[in-house]
Amino acid sequence: MKFIKTFVAVAALSVLSFGSFAQSISASASTLSAAEAKIAAQAEKANASYKITSARTDNGVYMTAELTK
């Protein structure tokens, strides 16, 4: 019984830590540098760090990133 209570407590705490803050953002521009600058500006506005998850070039650049606090 004690094992089950401990397991439930650990599971609940791990869900809370993963759900704290994660947001996907995107930006488009004519160059990679300009698109990343837009992502960085959005991250700074949200007071968060960012990790670029994808970038596509096709007559311009489309970039997505994930913000984390």
Protein backbone atom coordinates (compact mmCIF):
# COMPACT_ATOMS: atom_id res chain seq x y z
CA MET A 1 0.00 0.00 0.00
CA LYS A 2 2.85 2.39 0.85
CA PHE A 3 4.42 1.67 -2.57
CA ILE A 4 1.22 2.64 -4.37
CA LYS A 5 0.95 5.93 -2.47
CA THR A 6 4.59 6.74 -3.23
CA PHE A 7 4.14 5.86 -6.90
CA VAL A 8 1.06 8.07 -7.20
CA ALA A 9 2.86 10.97 -5.50
CA VAL A 10 5.89 10.68 -7.82
CA ALA A 11 3.64 10.46 -10.89
CA ALA A 12 1.70 13.55 -9.85
CA LEU A 13 4.85 15.59 -9.20
CA SER A 14 6.40 14.61 -12.53
CA VAL A 15 3.28 15.72 -14.41
CA LEU A 16 3.40 19.09 -12.67
CA SER A 17 7.04 19.69 -13.57
CA PHE A 18 6.54 18.83 -17.24
CA GLY A 19 3.42 20.95 -17.49
CA SER A 20 5.01 24.06 -16.04
CA PHE A 21 5.58 25.93 -19.30
CA ALA A 22 6.11 24.91 -22.90
CA GLN A 23 4.89 26.90 -25.85
CA SER A 24 5.51 26.57 -29.57
CA ILE A 25 6.12 29.71 -31.60
CA SER A 26 6.89 30.40 -35.24
CA ALA A 27 8.34 33.15 -37.37
CA SER A 28 8.91 33.79 -41.05
CA ALA A 29 11.47 36.03 -42.73
CA SER A 30 13.67 36.24 -45.80
CA THR A 31 16.83 34.87 -44.08
CA LEU A 32 17.67 32.39 -41.33
CA SER A 33 19.21 35.16 -39.23
CA ALA A 34 16.12 37.34 -39.47
CA ALA A 35 13.80 34.46 -38.58
CA GLU A 36 15.94 33.55 -35.56
CA ALA A 37 15.97 37.20 -34.48
CA LYS A 38 12.15 37.19 -34.50
CA ILE A 39 12.12 33.98 -32.44
CA ALA A 40 14.61 35.49 -29.98
CA ALA A 41 12.48 38.63 -29.65
CA GLN A 42 9.37 36.56 -28.90
CA ALA A 43 11.29 34.54 -26.31
CA GLU A 44 12.63 37.69 -24.65
CA LYS A 45 9.14 39.17 -24.52
CA ALA A 46 7.90 35.99 -22.79
CA ASN A 47 10.96 35.98 -20.50
CA ALA A 48 11.81 32.45 -21.67
CA SER A 49 14.58 30.55 -23.40
CA TYR A 50 14.04 28.94 -26.78
CA LYS A 51 15.09 25.90 -28.77
CA ILE A 52 14.64 25.91 -32.53
CA THR A 53 12.77 22.79 -33.56
CA SER A 54 12.59 23.27 -37.33
CA ALA A 55 13.50 25.63 -40.14
CA ARG A 56 12.33 25.45 -43.74
CA THR A 57 13.49 27.52 -46.69
CA ASP A 58 11.29 27.95 -49.75
CA ASN A 59 11.22 31.51 -51.12
CA GLY A 60 11.87 32.63 -47.55
CA VAL A 61 12.38 31.00 -44.16
CA TYR A 62 9.77 29.51 -41.86
CA MET A 63 11.08 28.62 -38.39
CA THR A 64 9.45 27.06 -35.33
CA ALA A 65 10.77 26.94 -31.79
CA GLU A 66 9.75 25.84 -28.32
CA LEU A 67 9.81 28.29 -25.44
CA THR A 68 10.68 27.05 -21.96
CA LYS A 69 10.95 28.82 -18.63
